[in-house]
Amino acid sequence: MTLTLLIIVMAALLIITAALLFIPWSGTHSVSRDVLNRAFYHSRLRELERENTAVREEMVAELQHNLLDDIPAHQGDAAPKPLSRWVLAPGVAALLIISLGVFWKTVNLKNVLEWQEVTRQTPELLNRVMDPNAPALTMEEMARLGLGLRTRLQDDPNNVDGWMMLGRIGMALNNATTATDAFEHAWKLAPNNIDAKLDYAEVLIRSSDENDNKLGDKLLREAVSASHTNIRALSLLAFSSFEQQRFGDAIAAWQMMLGVLPQNDKRRAIIERSIAQAQAQAQTGMDNVPLAVKITLSPEAQQGMPANGTVFITVVGEASPVPVAVKKLPVGQFPMTLNIDDSNTMMPGSSLSSLHQGWIKVHISQDGTPAVQSGDWVGQSALIKFDQAKPTEVIISSRQP
């Protein structure tokens, strides 16, 4: 309907523009300057005849003289032909061609027709979504429904349910931008709607943006404060806390869920396993005390340091020469201070927290390989205890021959 109206308006504008070109030439008779002069002469002559003055004859003679000056002698009596209106035909044709060309280039007719078809299919797709017995929508049909909903929401921007459904479609299509924008719109329209708040909070806590995570966590805490028995709010809060390594908060939220769920609910077993995992992670975090290392260069190493080298920091226990942990980073500004923890361990089951003492070795590789090559700079600490509070200093002073 919108495209049809646009075409009608364009056609009307073209007709009006073409008419404006023809109107100045639409007269059937041309009025020349000579005709106007003659008419003025006869009008003035009648005025003088009504006057009874002594100088009337002189004024008539002067009027005749002026008329002869204004009207030169013509060789023929044929009046000049007016300009034919067909001369304007090329201009009208050019106007039509340019207008149609611009329309064709700026309007993707295929996409417009597909959009109109999607708009017609939207009610049917909505009914299928709402009907639990209807076949599930394919990804293509889901995308079509999303397009149809966006079209509807332009005409009805205050439809909270429509924005929430569009957000869920965005999540189903893995379109985080669509989901976030739609849920945010729904939440701002109805900030006290618990479903809109939880939908928006869920996309925020799954975002990679830290500010989104903080806002999502805030909304979840508000929802839990308003209702301690809301299973979805508690579940999302537990997930958010666990992802941000606030294991105590995650355990507390899951324990609240256990207090709400019936004893025969199948979700209890999953929650109990999650609690056990969070408790183990919390204990690991307490044991995983980072080992601080400070790397400095000798004067000789400062002069021979490669511009684009790689630094390998290796931790070796006193019982075995096999490295327990290795950390790799590009050459930067020295002195360099960094931390090594259990996330840098080499073998599953091994950890820095299980070592009591050992050595820290530093190798600056020229080609980025962990094996020491000729010309690489190396350094090693003395035998140290790994529970000391201050950083362990390693001086790079030797060059591999």
Protein backbone atom coordinates (compact mmCIF):
# COMPACT_ATOMS: atom_id res chain seq x y z
CA MET A 1 0.00 0.00 0.00
CA THR A 2 2.85 2.39 0.87
CA LEU A 3 4.68 1.68 -2.40
CA THR A 4 1.47 2.18 -4.41
CA LEU A 5 0.87 5.52 -2.71
CA LEU A 6 4.46 6.55 -3.42
CA ILE A 7 4.07 5.73 -7.12
CA ILE A 8 0.79 7.68 -7.30
CA VAL A 9 2.37 10.74 -5.68
CA MET A 10 5.37 10.58 -8.03
CA ALA A 11 3.10 10.31 -11.09
CA ALA A 12 1.03 13.29 -9.94
CA LEU A 13 4.17 15.38 -9.39
CA LEU A 14 5.47 14.50 -12.85
CA ILE A 15 2.16 15.49 -14.46
CA ILE A 16 2.12 18.81 -12.59
CA THR A 17 5.73 19.52 -13.57
CA ALA A 18 5.03 18.75 -17.23
CA ALA A 19 1.93 20.97 -17.15
CA LEU A 20 3.99 23.85 -15.77
CA LEU A 21 6.24 23.55 -18.79
CA PHE A 22 3.30 23.83 -21.23
CA ILE A 23 1.22 26.54 -19.54
CA PRO A 24 3.34 29.51 -20.73
CA TRP A 25 2.89 28.32 -24.35
CA SER A 26 -0.78 27.33 -24.14
CA GLY A 27 -2.19 30.58 -25.67
CA THR A 28 -3.79 30.23 -29.13
CA HIS A 29 -2.89 33.83 -30.24
CA SER A 30 0.32 35.71 -29.73
CA VAL A 31 0.08 39.39 -28.70
CA SER A 32 2.71 41.48 -30.44
CA ARG A 33 4.13 44.87 -29.49
CA ASP A 34 2.64 46.43 -32.63
CA VAL A 35 -0.88 45.41 -31.68
CA LEU A 36 -0.46 46.94 -28.25
CA ASN A 37 0.82 50.21 -29.73
CA ARG A 38 -2.15 50.43 -32.11
CA ALA A 39 -4.59 49.79 -29.28
CA PHE A 40 -2.96 52.51 -27.20
CA TYR A 41 -3.12 54.91 -30.20
CA HIS A 42 -6.85 54.42 -30.77
CA SER A 43 -7.63 54.72 -27.06
CA ARG A 44 -5.71 58.00 -26.79
CA LEU A 45 -7.30 59.28 -30.02
CA ARG A 46 -10.80 58.78 -28.62
CA GLU A 47 -9.84 60.74 -25.53
CA LEU A 48 -8.58 63.64 -27.63
CA GLU A 49 -11.77 63.71 -29.72
CA ARG A 50 -13.79 64.26 -26.56
CA GLU A 51 -11.61 67.18 -25.63
CA ASN A 52 -12.36 70.57 -27.19
CA THR A 53 -9.05 72.30 -26.88
CA ALA A 54 -7.05 74.54 -29.19
CA VAL A 55 -4.11 72.22 -29.26
CA ARG A 56 -6.08 69.07 -30.05
CA GLU A 57 -4.89 69.00 -33.67
CA GLU A 58 -1.27 69.32 -32.63
CA MET A 59 -1.63 66.52 -30.07
CA VAL A 60 -3.27 64.24 -32.66
CA ALA A 61 -0.45 64.91 -35.08
CA GLU A 62 2.13 64.16 -32.38
CA LEU A 63 0.30 60.93 -31.46
CA GLN A 64 0.32 59.83 -35.12
CA HIS A 65 4.03 60.61 -35.37
CA ASN A 66 4.79 58.51 -32.28
CA LEU A 67 2.78 55.62 -33.68
CA LEU A 68 4.80 55.66 -36.90
CA ASP A 69 8.02 55.59 -34.86
CA ASP A 70 6.83 52.65 -32.69
CA ILE A 71 5.50 50.57 -35.60
CA PRO A 72 8.10 50.04 -38.30
CA ALA A 73 7.09 49.18 -41.80
CA HIS A 74 6.50 45.43 -42.43
CA GLN A 75 7.01 43.76 -45.72
CA GLY A 76 4.04 41.45 -45.21
CA ASP A 77 0.94 41.32 -43.12
CA ALA A 78 1.49 37.73 -41.92
CA ALA A 79 1.79 37.51 -38.13
CA PRO A 80 4.65 35.46 -36.74
CA LYS A 81 3.71 31.92 -35.79
CA PRO A 82 3.84 31.04 -32.09
CA LEU A 83 6.42 28.46 -30.93
CA SER A 84 5.07 24.93 -31.31
CA ARG A 85 4.44 23.08 -28.06
CA TRP A 86 6.04 19.97 -29.54
CA VAL A 87 9.40 21.67 -28.96
CA LEU A 88 8.91 20.96 -25.25
CA ALA A 89 8.41 17.22 -25.83
CA PRO A 90 12.14 16.34 -25.45
CA GLY A 91 12.25 18.18 -22.15
CA VAL A 92 9.26 16.24 -20.83
CA ALA A 93 10.81 12.98 -22.04
CA ALA A 94 14.09 13.82 -20.30
CA LEU A 95 12.18 14.63 -17.09
CA LEU A 96 10.42 11.25 -17.19
CA ILE A 97 13.61 9.30 -17.93
CA ILE A 98 15.63 10.99 -15.16
CA SER A 99 12.83 10.60 -12.62
CA LEU A 100 12.30 6.91 -13.41
CA GLY A 101 16.07 6.30 -13.37
CA VAL A 102 16.48 7.88 -9.94
CA PHE A 103 13.50 5.92 -8.63
CA TRP A 104 14.89 2.64 -9.98
CA LYS A 105 18.34 3.25 -8.51
CA THR A 106 17.19 4.37 -5.06
CA VAL A 107 14.32 1.93 -4.53
CA ASN A 108 15.16 -1.79 -4.39
CA LEU A 109 11.83 -3.03 -5.69
CA LYS A 110 12.63 -6.67 -4.93
CA ASN A 111 13.33 -5.96 -1.27
CA VAL A 112 10.25 -3.79 -1.00
CA LEU A 113 8.07 -6.54 -2.40
CA GLU A 114 9.65 -9.09 -0.03
CA TRP A 115 9.04 -6.73 2.89
CA GLN A 116 5.38 -6.37 1.90
CA GLU A 117 5.07 -10.16 1.70
CA VAL A 118 6.62 -10.51 5.18
CA THR A 119 4.20 -7.93 6.52
CA ARG A 120 1.29 -9.98 5.18
CA GLN A 121 2.71 -13.16 6.74
CA THR A 122 3.26 -11.63 10.20
CA PRO A 123 -0.19 -12.48 11.66
CA GLU A 124 0.14 -16.13 10.61
CA LEU A 125 3.67 -16.40 12.06
CA LEU A 126 2.52 -14.80 15.31
CA ASN A 127 -0.30 -17.33 15.63
CA ARG A 128 2.17 -20.19 15.12
CA VAL A 129 4.45 -18.82 17.83
CA MET A 130 1.58 -18.53 20.29
CA ASP A 131 0.16 -21.98 19.49
CA PRO A 132 2.06 -24.71 21.42
CA ASN A 133 0.71 -27.38 19.05
CA ALA A 134 1.84 -25.62 15.87
CA PRO A 135 5.12 -26.61 14.17
CA ALA A 136 8.15 -24.64 15.30
CA LEU A 137 9.34 -21.76 13.16
CA THR A 138 12.47 -22.21 11.07
CA MET A 139 15.31 -19.69 11.37
CA GLU A 140 14.21 -18.04 8.13
CA GLU A 141 10.63 -17.74 9.37
CA MET A 142 11.93 -16.37 12.67
CA ALA A 143 13.86 -13.68 10.79
CA ARG A 144 10.74 -12.85 8.76
CA LEU A 145 8.71 -12.54 11.94
CA GLY A 146 11.33 -10.22 13.41
CA LEU A 147 11.11 -7.97 10.35
CA GLY A 148 7.33 -7.96 10.52
CA LEU A 149 7.39 -7.09 14.23
CA ARG A 150 9.78 -4.18 13.67
CA THR A 151 7.37 -2.86 11.04
CA ARG A 152 4.44 -3.12 13.44
CA LEU A 153 6.36 -1.48 16.27
CA GLN A 154 7.01 1.57 14.12
CA ASP A 155 3.26 2.17 14.12
CA ASP A 156 2.79 1.02 17.74
CA PRO A 157 6.02 1.94 19.60
CA ASN A 158 4.45 1.57 23.08
CA ASN A 159 3.61 -2.12 22.67
CA VAL A 160 5.60 -3.71 25.52
CA ASP A 161 4.72 -7.29 24.55
CA GLY A 162 5.79 -6.63 20.97
CA TRP A 163 9.20 -5.35 22.07
CA MET A 164 9.66 -8.34 24.40
CA MET A 165 8.82 -10.77 21.61
CA LEU A 166 11.22 -9.00 19.25
CA GLY A 167 13.93 -9.34 21.90
CA ARG A 168 13.32 -13.08 22.24
CA ILE A 169 13.49 -13.44 18.47
CA GLY A 170 16.82 -11.62 18.55
CA MET A 171 18.11 -14.09 21.13
CA ALA A 172 16.90 -17.03 19.05
CA LEU A 173 18.76 -15.61 16.03
CA ASN A 174 21.90 -14.90 18.12
CA ASN A 175 21.50 -11.22 17.32
CA ALA A 176 22.66 -9.59 20.56
CA THR A 177 22.12 -6.04 19.30
CA THR A 178 18.48 -6.62 18.36
CA ALA A 179 17.77 -8.48 21.60
CA THR A 180 19.42 -5.87 23.82
CA ASP A 181 17.77 -2.89 22.11
CA ALA A 182 14.32 -4.51 22.13
CA PHE A 183 14.47 -5.62 25.77
CA GLU A 184 15.80 -2.23 26.83
CA HIS A 185 12.88 -0.54 25.04
CA ALA A 186 10.38 -2.84 26.77
CA TRP A 187 11.96 -2.29 30.20
CA LYS A 188 11.93 1.51 29.80
CA LEU A 189 8.26 1.39 28.78
CA ALA A 190 7.36 -0.82 31.77
CA PRO A 191 10.10 -0.66 34.44
CA ASN A 192 7.89 -2.50 36.95
CA ASN A 193 7.16 -5.39 34.59
CA ILE A 194 9.15 -8.27 36.11
CA ASP A 195 9.37 -10.21 32.84
CA ALA A 196 10.67 -7.18 30.94
CA LYS A 197 13.23 -6.53 33.68
CA LEU A 198 14.47 -10.12 33.73
CA ASP A 199 14.64 -10.33 29.93
CA TYR A 200 16.76 -7.19 29.82
CA ALA A 201 18.93 -8.33 32.73
CA GLU A 202 19.59 -11.69 31.05
CA VAL A 203 21.05 -10.16 27.88
CA LEU A 204 23.10 -7.73 29.97
CA ILE A 205 24.78 -10.39 32.13
CA ARG A 206 25.66 -12.35 28.98
CA SER A 207 27.30 -9.31 27.39
CA SER A 208 31.07 -8.93 27.09
CA ASP A 209 30.78 -5.34 28.32
CA GLU A 210 31.56 -4.97 32.03
CA ASN A 211 29.15 -2.04 32.39
CA ASP A 212 26.34 -4.16 30.95
CA ASN A 213 27.17 -6.89 33.47
CA LYS A 214 26.96 -4.42 36.36
CA LEU A 215 23.59 -3.06 35.25
CA GLY A 216 22.23 -6.58 34.71
CA ASP A 217 23.40 -7.63 38.17
CA LYS A 218 21.74 -4.55 39.67
CA LEU A 219 18.41 -5.32 37.97
CA LEU A 220 18.55 -8.93 39.17
CA ARG A 221 19.17 -7.89 42.76
CA GLU A 222 16.20 -5.53 42.54
CA ALA A 223 14.04 -8.38 41.23
CA VAL A 224 15.16 -10.76 44.00
CA SER A 225 14.58 -8.09 46.64
CA ALA A 226 11.05 -7.62 45.34
CA SER A 227 10.36 -11.37 45.28
CA HIS A 228 12.57 -13.92 47.09
CA THR A 229 10.65 -16.77 45.47
CA ASN A 230 11.17 -15.83 41.83
CA ILE A 231 13.03 -18.87 40.52
CA ARG A 232 14.12 -17.21 37.27
CA ALA A 233 15.53 -14.14 39.03
CA LEU A 234 17.44 -16.33 41.52
CA SER A 235 18.80 -18.54 38.74
CA LEU A 236 20.02 -15.58 36.69
CA LEU A 237 21.57 -13.94 39.75
CA ALA A 238 23.41 -17.16 40.60
CA PHE A 239 24.69 -17.42 37.01
CA SER A 240 25.83 -13.79 36.99
CA SER A 241 27.62 -14.15 40.33
CA PHE A 242 29.34 -17.37 39.26
CA GLU A 243 30.54 -15.82 35.98
CA GLN A 244 32.00 -12.87 37.88
CA GLN A 245 33.67 -15.30 40.34
CA ARG A 246 31.56 -14.13 43.27
CA PHE A 247 31.12 -17.72 44.36
CA GLY A 248 29.64 -16.88 47.76
CA ASP A 249 26.81 -14.88 46.16
CA ALA A 250 26.20 -17.66 43.63
CA ILE A 251 25.97 -20.28 46.39
CA ALA A 252 23.57 -18.09 48.38
CA ALA A 253 21.27 -17.63 45.36
CA TRP A 254 21.23 -21.38 44.60
CA GLN A 255 20.51 -22.20 48.24
CA MET A 256 17.53 -19.83 48.13
CA MET A 257 16.30 -21.71 45.06
CA LEU A 258 16.54 -25.01 46.96
CA GLY A 259 14.37 -23.50 49.67
CA VAL A 260 11.68 -22.64 47.11
CA LEU A 261 11.67 -25.71 44.84
CA PRO A 262 9.67 -28.82 45.82
CA GLN A 263 11.64 -31.82 47.06
CA ASN A 264 10.77 -33.88 43.98
CA ASP A 265 11.82 -31.20 41.50
CA LYS A 266 14.41 -32.50 39.03
CA ARG A 267 16.24 -29.17 39.04
CA ARG A 268 17.41 -29.70 42.62
CA ALA A 269 20.12 -32.17 41.56
CA ILE A 270 21.53 -29.69 39.02
CA ILE A 271 21.53 -26.90 41.60
CA GLU A 272 23.30 -29.07 44.18
CA ARG A 273 26.03 -29.91 41.66
CA SER A 274 26.38 -26.20 40.86
CA ILE A 275 26.77 -25.39 44.54
CA ALA A 276 29.49 -28.03 44.89
CA GLN A 277 31.31 -26.62 41.86
CA ALA A 278 31.13 -23.08 43.23
CA GLN A 279 32.46 -24.24 46.60
CA ALA A 280 35.40 -25.96 44.89
CA GLN A 281 36.12 -22.87 42.83
CA ALA A 282 35.99 -20.69 45.93
CA GLN A 283 38.48 -22.97 47.72
CA THR A 284 40.80 -22.97 44.69
CA GLY A 285 40.69 -19.20 44.62
CA MET A 286 41.74 -19.09 48.26
CA ASP A 287 44.68 -21.44 47.62
CA ASN A 288 45.73 -19.89 44.33
CA VAL A 289 47.96 -17.16 45.70
CA PRO A 290 49.77 -15.50 42.77
CA LEU A 291 53.56 -15.55 42.64
CA ALA A 292 54.95 -12.05 41.97
CA VAL A 293 58.02 -11.73 39.78
CA LYS A 294 60.10 -8.64 39.02
CA ILE A 295 62.37 -8.83 35.96
CA THR A 296 65.28 -6.41 35.57
CA LEU A 297 68.07 -6.11 33.01
CA SER A 298 71.81 -5.82 33.53
CA PRO A 299 73.57 -2.96 31.68
CA GLU A 300 74.87 -5.43 29.08
CA ALA A 301 71.39 -6.90 28.54
CA GLN A 302 69.90 -3.43 28.10
CA GLN A 303 72.26 -2.76 25.20
CA GLY A 304 71.70 -6.13 23.48
CA MET A 305 67.96 -6.52 24.09
CA PRO A 306 65.97 -7.39 20.89
CA ALA A 307 63.24 -4.93 19.96
CA ASN A 308 60.62 -7.61 19.16
CA GLY A 309 61.54 -10.49 21.44
CA THR A 310 59.36 -12.74 23.59
CA VAL A 311 59.67 -13.22 27.35
CA PHE A 312 59.20 -16.72 28.81
CA ILE A 313 58.89 -16.99 32.61
CA THR A 314 59.22 -20.57 33.86
CA VAL A 315 58.64 -21.90 37.38
CA VAL A 316 60.56 -25.08 38.33
CA GLY A 317 60.16 -27.00 41.58
CA GLU A 318 63.08 -28.37 43.56
CA ALA A 319 61.98 -31.99 43.04
CA SER A 320 61.95 -32.03 39.23
CA PRO A 321 63.47 -29.99 36.37
CA VAL A 322 60.17 -30.18 34.47
CA PRO A 323 58.50 -26.73 34.41
CA VAL A 324 55.37 -26.48 36.55
CA ALA A 325 54.14 -23.17 35.10
CA VAL A 326 55.08 -21.02 32.12
CA LYS A 327 53.98 -17.52 31.20
CA LYS A 328 54.64 -15.91 27.82
CA LEU A 329 54.42 -12.22 26.93
CA PRO A 330 56.07 -9.80 24.48
CA VAL A 331 59.13 -7.75 25.41
CA GLY A 332 58.05 -4.53 27.04
CA GLN A 333 59.38 -1.87 29.35
CA PHE A 334 61.86 -3.05 31.98
CA PRO A 335 61.89 -3.48 34.91
CA MET A 336 58.80 -5.64 34.46
CA THR A 337 56.57 -6.88 37.29
CA LEU A 338 54.00 -9.64 36.78
CA ASN A 339 52.08 -12.43 38.52
CA ILE A 340 52.07 -16.17 37.85
CA ASP A 341 49.31 -18.38 39.27
CA ASP A 342 47.66 -21.75 38.74
CA SER A 343 46.18 -20.60 35.42
CA ASN A 344 49.72 -20.79 33.98
CA THR A 345 50.37 -24.41 34.98
CA MET A 346 51.62 -26.80 32.30
CA MET A 347 50.09 -30.14 33.32
CA PRO A 348 46.57 -31.01 34.53
CA GLY A 349 46.55 -31.65 38.26
CA SER A 350 49.72 -29.63 38.94
CA SER A 351 49.59 -26.28 40.69
CA LEU A 352 51.90 -23.64 42.06
CA SER A 353 50.09 -23.81 45.37
CA SER A 354 51.41 -27.34 45.83
CA LEU A 355 55.06 -26.22 45.57
CA HIS A 356 57.05 -25.05 48.58
CA GLN A 357 60.25 -23.83 46.94
CA GLY A 358 62.03 -23.77 43.61
CA TRP A 359 63.46 -21.49 40.93
CA ILE A 360 62.12 -18.89 38.52
CA LYS A 361 63.81 -18.81 35.13
CA VAL A 362 63.43 -16.04 32.56
CA HIS A 363 64.32 -16.47 28.89
CA ILE A 364 64.09 -13.68 26.30
CA SER A 365 63.71 -15.36 22.93
CA GLN A 366 64.64 -13.61 19.71
CA ASP A 367 62.47 -15.80 17.46
CA GLY A 368 59.55 -16.44 19.83
CA THR A 369 60.36 -20.14 20.53
CA PRO A 370 60.53 -21.46 24.12
CA ALA A 371 63.81 -23.35 23.54
CA VAL A 372 66.89 -21.30 24.38
CA GLN A 373 68.84 -20.39 21.24
CA SER A 374 72.30 -18.91 20.75
CA GLY A 375 72.22 -15.19 21.43
CA ASP A 376 69.14 -15.30 23.74
CA TRP A 377 69.32 -13.55 27.10
CA VAL A 378 68.55 -15.59 30.24
CA GLY A 379 68.32 -15.16 34.00
CA GLN A 380 67.46 -17.27 37.01
CA SER A 381 66.53 -16.60 40.60
CA ALA A 382 68.09 -18.26 43.62
CA LEU A 383 66.24 -21.11 45.33
CA ILE A 384 63.20 -19.40 46.88
CA LYS A 385 60.13 -20.22 48.91
CA PHE A 386 56.94 -19.64 46.93
CA ASP A 387 54.97 -18.24 49.88
CA GLN A 388 56.95 -15.02 50.29
CA ALA A 389 54.97 -11.80 50.14
CA LYS A 390 57.38 -9.59 48.20
CA PRO A 391 58.13 -10.09 44.47
CA THR A 392 60.97 -12.38 43.49
CA GLU A 393 63.57 -10.46 41.48
CA VAL A 394 65.22 -12.08 38.46
CA ILE A 395 68.11 -10.25 36.77
CA ILE A 396 68.72 -10.91 33.06
CA SER A 397 72.49 -10.85 32.80
CA SER A 398 73.68 -13.86 30.76
CA ARG A 399 73.65 -14.41 27.02
CA GLN A 400 73.51 -17.88 25.55
CA PRO A 401 76.75 -18.56 23.61
